[in-house]
Amino acid sequence: MSKKMLPENHIIVFNDRKIRRIFHEEAWWFSVVDVIQALTDSSNPRDYWYKMKTRVKDEEAWELSTFCRQLKLEAPDGKMRETDCANTEGIFRIIQSIPSPKAEPFKRWLAKVGYERVQEIEDPELASQRAREIYKAKGYDDAWIEKRMRGIQIREELTDEWKNRNVGGQPEYAILTAEISKATFGLTPSEYKALKGLERENLRDHMTDLELIFTMLGEASTTEIARKDLKRIVLLRAQVVK
């Protein structure tokens, strides 16, 4: 499946300023230099960000960069480049160090983004609706979206069952997921991403209809095994621990 992650779907606008963002580890991460430019009108936001980090480090003896991660965003030249990004909480802290009257409305705007996330946690159906809207905006057809959403549900049922069986945490889940993927496609998720030329993108967002169906089948079958065969789960867990 060709990539359908259109550039405009990674950009939001604040006061006519474009701010790049990326969905990473279940949260939105925003380009720090884009936020700085939106709040300061600096002609060189990267230099402003560098000087601000130096000032905070000298005056307060800690580093703003601790709130950041290097994530790949599309640069003006069209290439994907690593950029300092921060999630909502991190951006809140960073803009506290920006002496600009424009910071306050941005704080309110970010608070709205955070509130929407809280709503989704409290109402999973709302999260599902928004996910459908996002996939629709990216250009996926309704049939693909239905399979993707069903796959998310099946994945949640599997991890819930693992949790109930005390299989372990995220590291163990990743190992078991890799085994399911190898049994289904002959490749681990990381190998599959490399085959598709993906880096930080979500593998399942770049699967075809058939790939999604096979993934659902593998995980649904594993869930049934977990429910009916506790002994096998215990053995699997022992293998993971080793």
C-alpha atoms as a PDB file:
ATOM      1  CA  MET A   1       0.000   0.000   0.000  1.00  0.00           C
ATOM      2  CA  SER A   2       1.371   3.387  -0.931  1.00  0.00           C
ATOM      3  CA  LYS A   3       1.765   5.902   1.847  1.00  0.00           C
ATOM      4  CA  LYS A   4      -1.320   8.018   2.395  1.00  0.00           C
ATOM      5  CA  MET A   5       0.166  10.207   5.125  1.00  0.00           C
ATOM      6  CA  LEU A   6      -0.417  13.500   3.357  1.00  0.00           C
ATOM      7  CA  PRO A   7       1.722  16.458   4.500  1.00  0.00           C
ATOM      8  CA  GLU A   8      -1.324  18.631   5.258  1.00  0.00           C
ATOM      9  CA  ASN A   9      -2.594  16.026   7.704  1.00  0.00           C
ATOM     10  CA  HIS A  10       0.530  16.565   9.807  1.00  0.00           C
ATOM     11  CA  ILE A  11       0.037  20.352   9.953  1.00  0.00           C
ATOM     12  CA  ILE A  12      -2.263  22.407  12.122  1.00  0.00           C
ATOM     13  CA  VAL A  13      -2.683  26.154  12.045  1.00  0.00           C
ATOM     14  CA  PHE A  14      -2.461  28.554  14.972  1.00  0.00           C
ATOM     15  CA  ASN A  15      -3.020  32.270  14.217  1.00  0.00           C
ATOM     16  CA  ASP A  16      -2.201  31.669  10.540  1.00  0.00           C
ATOM     17  CA  ARG A  17       1.047  29.913  11.449  1.00  0.00           C
ATOM     18  CA  LYS A  18       1.622  26.337  10.353  1.00  0.00           C
ATOM     19  CA  ILE A  19       2.737  23.978  13.104  1.00  0.00           C
ATOM     20  CA  ARG A  20       3.947  20.517  12.191  1.00  0.00           C
ATOM     21  CA  ARG A  21       2.986  17.617  14.399  1.00  0.00           C
ATOM     22  CA  ILE A  22       3.174  13.825  14.494  1.00  0.00           C
ATOM     23  CA  PHE A  23       1.190  11.190  16.377  1.00  0.00           C
ATOM     24  CA  HIS A  24       3.753   9.209  18.363  1.00  0.00           C
ATOM     25  CA  GLU A  25       3.241   6.778  21.243  1.00  0.00           C
ATOM     26  CA  GLU A  26      -0.465   7.592  21.579  1.00  0.00           C
ATOM     27  CA  ALA A  27       0.050  11.377  21.763  1.00  0.00           C
ATOM     28  CA  TRP A  28       0.510  14.389  19.504  1.00  0.00           C
ATOM     29  CA  TRP A  29       4.046  15.787  19.376  1.00  0.00           C
ATOM     30  CA  PHE A  30       4.569  19.336  18.063  1.00  0.00           C
ATOM     31  CA  SER A  31       7.543  20.944  16.335  1.00  0.00           C
ATOM     32  CA  VAL A  32       9.209  23.213  18.910  1.00  0.00           C
ATOM     33  CA  VAL A  33      10.662  25.624  16.340  1.00  0.00           C
ATOM     34  CA  ASP A  34       7.246  26.013  14.686  1.00  0.00           C
ATOM     35  CA  VAL A  35       5.673  26.859  18.046  1.00  0.00           C
ATOM     36  CA  ILE A  36       8.437  29.364  18.779  1.00  0.00           C
ATOM     37  CA  GLN A  37       7.943  31.039  15.420  1.00  0.00           C
ATOM     38  CA  ALA A  38       4.182  31.243  15.988  1.00  0.00           C
ATOM     39  CA  LEU A  39       4.677  32.897  19.388  1.00  0.00           C
ATOM     40  CA  THR A  40       7.624  35.181  18.693  1.00  0.00           C
ATOM     41  CA  ASP A  41       7.558  35.983  14.939  1.00  0.00           C
ATOM     42  CA  SER A  42      11.287  35.256  15.028  1.00  0.00           C
ATOM     43  CA  SER A  43      12.980  35.263  11.634  1.00  0.00           C
ATOM     44  CA  ASN A  44      15.273  32.505  12.910  1.00  0.00           C
ATOM     45  CA  PRO A  45      13.286  30.273  15.294  1.00  0.00           C
ATOM     46  CA  ARG A  46      16.036  27.651  15.419  1.00  0.00           C
ATOM     47  CA  ASP A  47      18.519  30.224  16.714  1.00  0.00           C
ATOM     48  CA  TYR A  48      15.897  31.517  19.170  1.00  0.00           C
ATOM     49  CA  TRP A  49      15.358  27.962  20.452  1.00  0.00           C
ATOM     50  CA  TYR A  50      19.103  27.413  20.849  1.00  0.00           C
ATOM     51  CA  LYS A  51      19.568  30.660  22.810  1.00  0.00           C
ATOM     52  CA  MET A  52      16.498  29.972  24.944  1.00  0.00           C
ATOM     53  CA  LYS A  53      17.817  26.542  25.933  1.00  0.00           C
ATOM     54  CA  THR A  54      21.162  28.106  26.843  1.00  0.00           C
ATOM     55  CA  ARG A  55      19.507  30.858  28.901  1.00  0.00           C
ATOM     56  CA  VAL A  56      17.285  28.459  30.852  1.00  0.00           C
ATOM     57  CA  LYS A  57      20.217  26.130  31.504  1.00  0.00           C
ATOM     58  CA  ASP A  58      22.345  29.018  32.822  1.00  0.00           C
ATOM     59  CA  GLU A  59      19.603  30.698  34.879  1.00  0.00           C
ATOM     60  CA  GLU A  60      17.647  27.709  36.177  1.00  0.00           C
ATOM     61  CA  ALA A  61      20.265  24.923  35.968  1.00  0.00           C
ATOM     62  CA  TRP A  62      18.137  22.499  33.976  1.00  0.00           C
ATOM     63  CA  GLU A  63      17.511  21.834  30.277  1.00  0.00           C
ATOM     64  CA  LEU A  64      14.401  22.391  28.192  1.00  0.00           C
ATOM     65  CA  SER A  65      15.573  19.679  25.820  1.00  0.00           C
ATOM     66  CA  THR A  66      14.584  17.077  28.435  1.00  0.00           C
ATOM     67  CA  PHE A  67      11.000  17.630  27.263  1.00  0.00           C
ATOM     68  CA  CYS A  68      11.891  16.925  23.638  1.00  0.00           C
ATOM     69  CA  ARG A  69      12.369  14.011  21.301  1.00  0.00           C
ATOM     70  CA  GLN A  70      13.917  13.976  17.884  1.00  0.00           C
ATOM     71  CA  LEU A  71      11.134  12.917  15.519  1.00  0.00           C
ATOM     72  CA  LYS A  72      11.091  13.057  11.744  1.00  0.00           C
ATOM     73  CA  LEU A  73       8.896  15.773  10.220  1.00  0.00           C
ATOM     74  CA  GLU A  74       8.702  17.037   6.672  1.00  0.00           C
ATOM     75  CA  ALA A  75      11.074  19.985   6.174  1.00  0.00           C
ATOM     76  CA  PRO A  76      10.456  22.902   3.753  1.00  0.00           C
ATOM     77  CA  ASP A  77      12.561  21.089   1.138  1.00  0.00           C
ATOM     78  CA  GLY A  78      10.168  18.137   1.286  1.00  0.00           C
ATOM     79  CA  LYS A  79      12.608  15.787   3.005  1.00  0.00           C
ATOM     80  CA  MET A  80      11.934  14.061   6.325  1.00  0.00           C
ATOM     81  CA  ARG A  81      14.320  15.456   8.921  1.00  0.00           C
ATOM     82  CA  GLU A  82      14.721  14.908  12.645  1.00  0.00           C
ATOM     83  CA  THR A  83      13.231  17.821  14.547  1.00  0.00           C
ATOM     84  CA  ASP A  84      12.918  18.721  18.222  1.00  0.00           C
ATOM     85  CA  CYS A  85       9.326  17.849  19.176  1.00  0.00           C
ATOM     86  CA  ALA A  86       7.451  17.978  22.471  1.00  0.00           C
ATOM     87  CA  ASN A  87       4.090  16.614  23.559  1.00  0.00           C
ATOM     88  CA  THR A  88       1.377  18.803  25.059  1.00  0.00           C
ATOM     89  CA  GLU A  89       2.869  18.747  28.547  1.00  0.00           C
ATOM     90  CA  GLY A  90       6.349  19.527  27.250  1.00  0.00           C
ATOM     91  CA  ILE A  91       5.148  22.378  25.040  1.00  0.00           C
ATOM     92  CA  PHE A  92       3.339  23.900  28.026  1.00  0.00           C
ATOM     93  CA  ARG A  93       6.613  23.973  29.939  1.00  0.00           C
ATOM     94  CA  ILE A  94       8.637  25.305  27.025  1.00  0.00           C
ATOM     95  CA  ILE A  95       6.313  28.241  26.300  1.00  0.00           C
ATOM     96  CA  GLN A  96       6.523  29.260  29.953  1.00  0.00           C
ATOM     97  CA  SER A  97      10.074  30.309  29.089  1.00  0.00           C
ATOM     98  CA  ILE A  98       8.976  32.383  26.099  1.00  0.00           C
ATOM     99  CA  PRO A  99       8.481  36.058  27.071  1.00  0.00           C
ATOM    100  CA  SER A 100       5.677  36.732  24.626  1.00  0.00           C
ATOM    101  CA  PRO A 101       2.061  37.932  25.057  1.00  0.00           C
ATOM    102  CA  LYS A 102       1.109  35.407  22.374  1.00  0.00           C
ATOM    103  CA  ALA A 103       1.880  32.533  24.723  1.00  0.00           C
ATOM    104  CA  GLU A 104      -1.370  32.683  26.699  1.00  0.00           C
ATOM    105  CA  PRO A 105      -3.793  31.946  23.820  1.00  0.00           C
ATOM    106  CA  PHE A 106      -1.484  29.138  22.725  1.00  0.00           C
ATOM    107  CA  LYS A 107      -1.700  27.657  26.217  1.00  0.00           C
ATOM    108  CA  ARG A 108      -5.486  27.731  25.982  1.00  0.00           C
ATOM    109  CA  TRP A 109      -5.348  26.128  22.558  1.00  0.00           C
ATOM    110  CA  LEU A 110      -3.102  23.332  23.830  1.00  0.00           C
ATOM    111  CA  ALA A 111      -5.394  22.876  26.820  1.00  0.00           C
ATOM    112  CA  LYS A 112      -8.215  22.213  24.352  1.00  0.00           C
ATOM    113  CA  VAL A 113      -6.083  19.557  22.617  1.00  0.00           C
ATOM    114  CA  GLY A 114      -5.382  17.947  25.989  1.00  0.00           C
ATOM    115  CA  TYR A 115      -9.057  18.104  26.961  1.00  0.00           C
ATOM    116  CA  GLU A 116     -10.019  16.269  23.775  1.00  0.00           C
ATOM    117  CA  ARG A 117      -7.544  13.535  24.686  1.00  0.00           C
ATOM    118  CA  VAL A 118      -9.087  13.226  28.153  1.00  0.00           C
ATOM    119  CA  GLN A 119     -12.512  12.948  26.528  1.00  0.00           C
ATOM    120  CA  GLU A 120     -11.244  10.089  24.366  1.00  0.00           C
ATOM    121  CA  ILE A 121      -9.870   8.255  27.401  1.00  0.00           C
ATOM    122  CA  GLU A 122     -13.193   8.625  29.218  1.00  0.00           C
ATOM    123  CA  ASP A 123     -15.257   7.735  26.155  1.00  0.00           C
ATOM    124  CA  PRO A 124     -13.513   5.168  23.910  1.00  0.00           C
ATOM    125  CA  GLU A 125     -16.335   5.452  21.376  1.00  0.00           C
ATOM    126  CA  LEU A 126     -15.450   9.114  20.885  1.00  0.00           C
ATOM    127  CA  ALA A 127     -11.825   8.125  20.339  1.00  0.00           C
ATOM    128  CA  SER A 128     -12.975   5.620  17.716  1.00  0.00           C
ATOM    129  CA  GLN A 129     -15.026   8.260  15.918  1.00  0.00           C
ATOM    130  CA  ARG A 130     -12.095  10.674  15.815  1.00  0.00           C
ATOM    131  CA  ALA A 131      -9.783   7.917  14.598  1.00  0.00           C
ATOM    132  CA  ARG A 132     -12.178   7.217  11.741  1.00  0.00           C
ATOM    133  CA  GLU A 133     -12.208  10.906  10.863  1.00  0.00           C
ATOM    134  CA  ILE A 134      -8.406  11.026  10.845  1.00  0.00           C
ATOM    135  CA  TYR A 135      -8.120   7.984   8.571  1.00  0.00           C
ATOM    136  CA  LYS A 136     -10.811   9.416   6.300  1.00  0.00           C
ATOM    137  CA  ALA A 137      -8.879  12.696   6.046  1.00  0.00           C
ATOM    138  CA  LYS A 138      -5.748  10.732   5.112  1.00  0.00           C
ATOM    139  CA  GLY A 139      -7.522   9.267   2.113  1.00  0.00           C
ATOM    140  CA  TYR A 140      -8.329   5.732   3.259  1.00  0.00           C
ATOM    141  CA  ASP A 141     -11.570   4.232   1.958  1.00  0.00           C
ATOM    142  CA  ASP A 142     -14.426   3.126   4.220  1.00  0.00           C
ATOM    143  CA  ALA A 143     -13.776  -0.606   3.757  1.00  0.00           C
ATOM    144  CA  TRP A 144     -10.130  -0.253   4.833  1.00  0.00           C
ATOM    145  CA  ILE A 145     -11.100   1.924   7.798  1.00  0.00           C
ATOM    146  CA  GLU A 146     -13.597  -0.675   9.014  1.00  0.00           C
ATOM    147  CA  LYS A 147     -10.914  -3.366   8.942  1.00  0.00           C
ATOM    148  CA  ARG A 148      -8.405  -1.103  10.682  1.00  0.00           C
ATOM    149  CA  MET A 149     -10.849  -0.238  13.468  1.00  0.00           C
ATOM    150  CA  ARG A 150     -11.825  -3.888  13.886  1.00  0.00           C
ATOM    151  CA  GLY A 151      -8.140  -4.763  14.058  1.00  0.00           C
ATOM    152  CA  ILE A 152      -7.641  -2.240  16.862  1.00  0.00           C
ATOM    153  CA  GLN A 153     -10.477  -3.853  18.809  1.00  0.00           C
ATOM    154  CA  ILE A 154      -9.046  -7.354  18.328  1.00  0.00           C
ATOM    155  CA  ARG A 155      -5.616  -6.162  19.416  1.00  0.00           C
ATOM    156  CA  GLU A 156      -7.105  -4.665  22.596  1.00  0.00           C
ATOM    157  CA  GLU A 157      -8.905  -7.935  23.339  1.00  0.00           C
ATOM    158  CA  LEU A 158      -5.599  -9.791  22.969  1.00  0.00           C
ATOM    159  CA  THR A 159      -3.610  -7.473  25.258  1.00  0.00           C
ATOM    160  CA  ASP A 160      -6.441  -7.511  27.804  1.00  0.00           C
ATOM    161  CA  GLU A 161      -6.296 -11.304  27.843  1.00  0.00           C
ATOM    162  CA  TRP A 162      -2.523 -11.252  28.240  1.00  0.00           C
ATOM    163  CA  LYS A 163      -2.951  -8.856  31.135  1.00  0.00           C
ATOM    164  CA  ASN A 164      -5.557 -11.102  32.751  1.00  0.00           C
ATOM    165  CA  ARG A 165      -3.192 -14.065  32.370  1.00  0.00           C
ATOM    166  CA  ASN A 166      -0.325 -12.074  33.894  1.00  0.00           C
ATOM    167  CA  VAL A 167       1.836 -12.606  30.820  1.00  0.00           C
ATOM    168  CA  GLY A 168       3.877  -9.501  31.572  1.00  0.00           C
ATOM    169  CA  GLY A 169       4.125  -5.910  30.370  1.00  0.00           C
ATOM    170  CA  GLN A 170       4.936  -4.101  27.148  1.00  0.00           C
ATOM    171  CA  PRO A 171       8.341  -5.776  26.578  1.00  0.00           C
ATOM    172  CA  GLU A 172       6.730  -9.227  26.771  1.00  0.00           C
ATOM    173  CA  TYR A 173       3.823  -8.082  24.586  1.00  0.00           C
ATOM    174  CA  ALA A 174       6.298  -6.902  21.945  1.00  0.00           C
ATOM    175  CA  ILE A 175       8.083 -10.263  21.939  1.00  0.00           C
ATOM    176  CA  LEU A 176       4.824 -12.200  21.668  1.00  0.00           C
ATOM    177  CA  THR A 177       3.580  -9.844  18.944  1.00  0.00           C
ATOM    178  CA  ALA A 178       6.755 -10.504  16.991  1.00  0.00           C
ATOM    179  CA  GLU A 179       6.107 -14.259  17.250  1.00  0.00           C
ATOM    180  CA  ILE A 180       2.546 -13.814  15.953  1.00  0.00           C
ATOM    181  CA  SER A 181       3.817 -11.712  13.062  1.00  0.00           C
ATOM    182  CA  LYS A 182       6.474 -14.299  12.177  1.00  0.00           C
ATOM    183  CA  ALA A 183       3.843 -17.037  12.178  1.00  0.00           C
ATOM    184  CA  THR A 184       1.539 -14.927  10.000  1.00  0.00           C
ATOM    185  CA  PHE A 185       3.917 -13.268   7.538  1.00  0.00           C
ATOM    186  CA  GLY A 186       7.298 -14.872   8.181  1.00  0.00           C
ATOM    187  CA  LEU A 187       8.615 -11.506   9.375  1.00  0.00           C
ATOM    188  CA  THR A 188       8.801  -9.637  12.667  1.00  0.00           C
ATOM    189  CA  PRO A 189       7.125  -6.193  12.740  1.00  0.00           C
ATOM    190  CA  SER A 190      10.507  -4.452  12.508  1.00  0.00           C
ATOM    191  CA  GLU A 191      11.501  -6.605   9.527  1.00  0.00           C
ATOM    192  CA  TYR A 192       8.124  -5.944   7.917  1.00  0.00           C
ATOM    193  CA  LYS A 193       8.533  -2.180   8.397  1.00  0.00           C
ATOM    194  CA  ALA A 194      11.969  -2.333   6.801  1.00  0.00           C
ATOM    195  CA  LEU A 195      10.513  -4.271   3.859  1.00  0.00           C
ATOM    196  CA  LYS A 196       7.891  -1.552   3.356  1.00  0.00           C
ATOM    197  CA  GLY A 197      10.436   1.229   3.740  1.00  0.00           C
ATOM    198  CA  LEU A 198       8.859   2.558   6.923  1.00  0.00           C
ATOM    199  CA  GLU A 199      10.683   4.150   9.834  1.00  0.00           C
ATOM    200  CA  ARG A 200       8.586   5.651  12.647  1.00  0.00           C
ATOM    201  CA  GLU A 201       5.262   5.167  10.873  1.00  0.00           C
ATOM    202  CA  ASN A 202       2.648   2.759  12.197  1.00  0.00           C
ATOM    203  CA  LEU A 203       3.024  -0.515  10.281  1.00  0.00           C
ATOM    204  CA  ARG A 204      -0.679  -1.345  10.381  1.00  0.00           C
ATOM    205  CA  ASP A 205      -1.568   2.014   8.868  1.00  0.00           C
ATOM    206  CA  HIS A 206       0.375   0.890   5.803  1.00  0.00           C
ATOM    207  CA  MET A 207      -1.118  -2.577   5.434  1.00  0.00           C
ATOM    208  CA  THR A 208      -3.392  -3.693   2.621  1.00  0.00           C
ATOM    209  CA  ASP A 209      -6.862  -5.076   3.289  1.00  0.00           C
ATOM    210  CA  LEU A 210      -5.554  -8.661   3.147  1.00  0.00           C
ATOM    211  CA  GLU A 211      -2.659  -7.904   5.458  1.00  0.00           C
ATOM    212  CA  LEU A 212      -5.062  -6.426   8.003  1.00  0.00           C
ATOM    213  CA  ILE A 213      -7.302  -9.491   7.731  1.00  0.00           C
ATOM    214  CA  PHE A 214      -4.374 -11.897   8.273  1.00  0.00           C
ATOM    215  CA  THR A 215      -3.174  -9.800  11.223  1.00  0.00           C
ATOM    216  CA  MET A 216      -6.640  -9.900  12.791  1.00  0.00           C
ATOM    217  CA  LEU A 217      -6.840 -13.656  12.245  1.00  0.00           C
ATOM    218  CA  GLY A 218      -3.479 -14.245  13.916  1.00  0.00           C
ATOM    219  CA  GLU A 219      -4.284 -12.109  16.949  1.00  0.00           C
ATOM    220  CA  ALA A 220      -7.853 -13.386  17.310  1.00  0.00           C
ATOM    221  CA  SER A 221      -6.556 -16.973  17.238  1.00  0.00           C
ATOM    222  CA  THR A 222      -3.956 -16.133  19.880  1.00  0.00           C
ATOM    223  CA  THR A 223      -6.662 -14.625  22.079  1.00  0.00           C
ATOM    224  CA  GLU A 224      -8.672 -17.850  21.884  1.00  0.00           C
ATOM    225  CA  ILE A 225      -5.581 -19.864  22.775  1.00  0.00           C
ATOM    226  CA  ALA A 226      -5.005 -17.620  25.786  1.00  0.00           C
ATOM    227  CA  ARG A 227      -8.574 -18.128  26.944  1.00  0.00           C
ATOM    228  CA  LYS A 228      -8.614 -21.906  26.524  1.00  0.00           C
ATOM    229  CA  ASP A 229      -5.065 -23.036  27.088  1.00  0.00           C
ATOM    230  CA  LEU A 230      -3.537 -21.554  30.227  1.00  0.00           C
ATOM    231  CA  LYS A 231      -0.696 -24.089  30.148  1.00  0.00           C
ATOM    232  CA  ARG A 232       0.437 -22.849  26.749  1.00  0.00           C
ATOM    233  CA  ILE A 233       0.393 -19.270  27.969  1.00  0.00           C
ATOM    234  CA  VAL A 234       2.534 -20.236  30.956  1.00  0.00           C
ATOM    235  CA  LEU A 235       5.045 -21.854  28.599  1.00  0.00           C
ATOM    236  CA  LEU A 236       5.040 -18.812  26.326  1.00  0.00           C
ATOM    237  CA  ARG A 237       5.666 -16.568  29.290  1.00  0.00           C
ATOM    238  CA  ALA A 238       8.560 -18.776  30.395  1.00  0.00           C
ATOM    239  CA  GLN A 239      10.087 -18.449  26.912  1.00  0.00           C
ATOM    240  CA  VAL A 240       9.718 -14.669  27.048  1.00  0.00           C
ATOM    241  CA  VAL A 241      11.422 -14.494  30.442  1.00  0.00           C
ATOM    242  CA  LYS A 242      14.343 -16.490  29.081  1.00  0.00           C
END
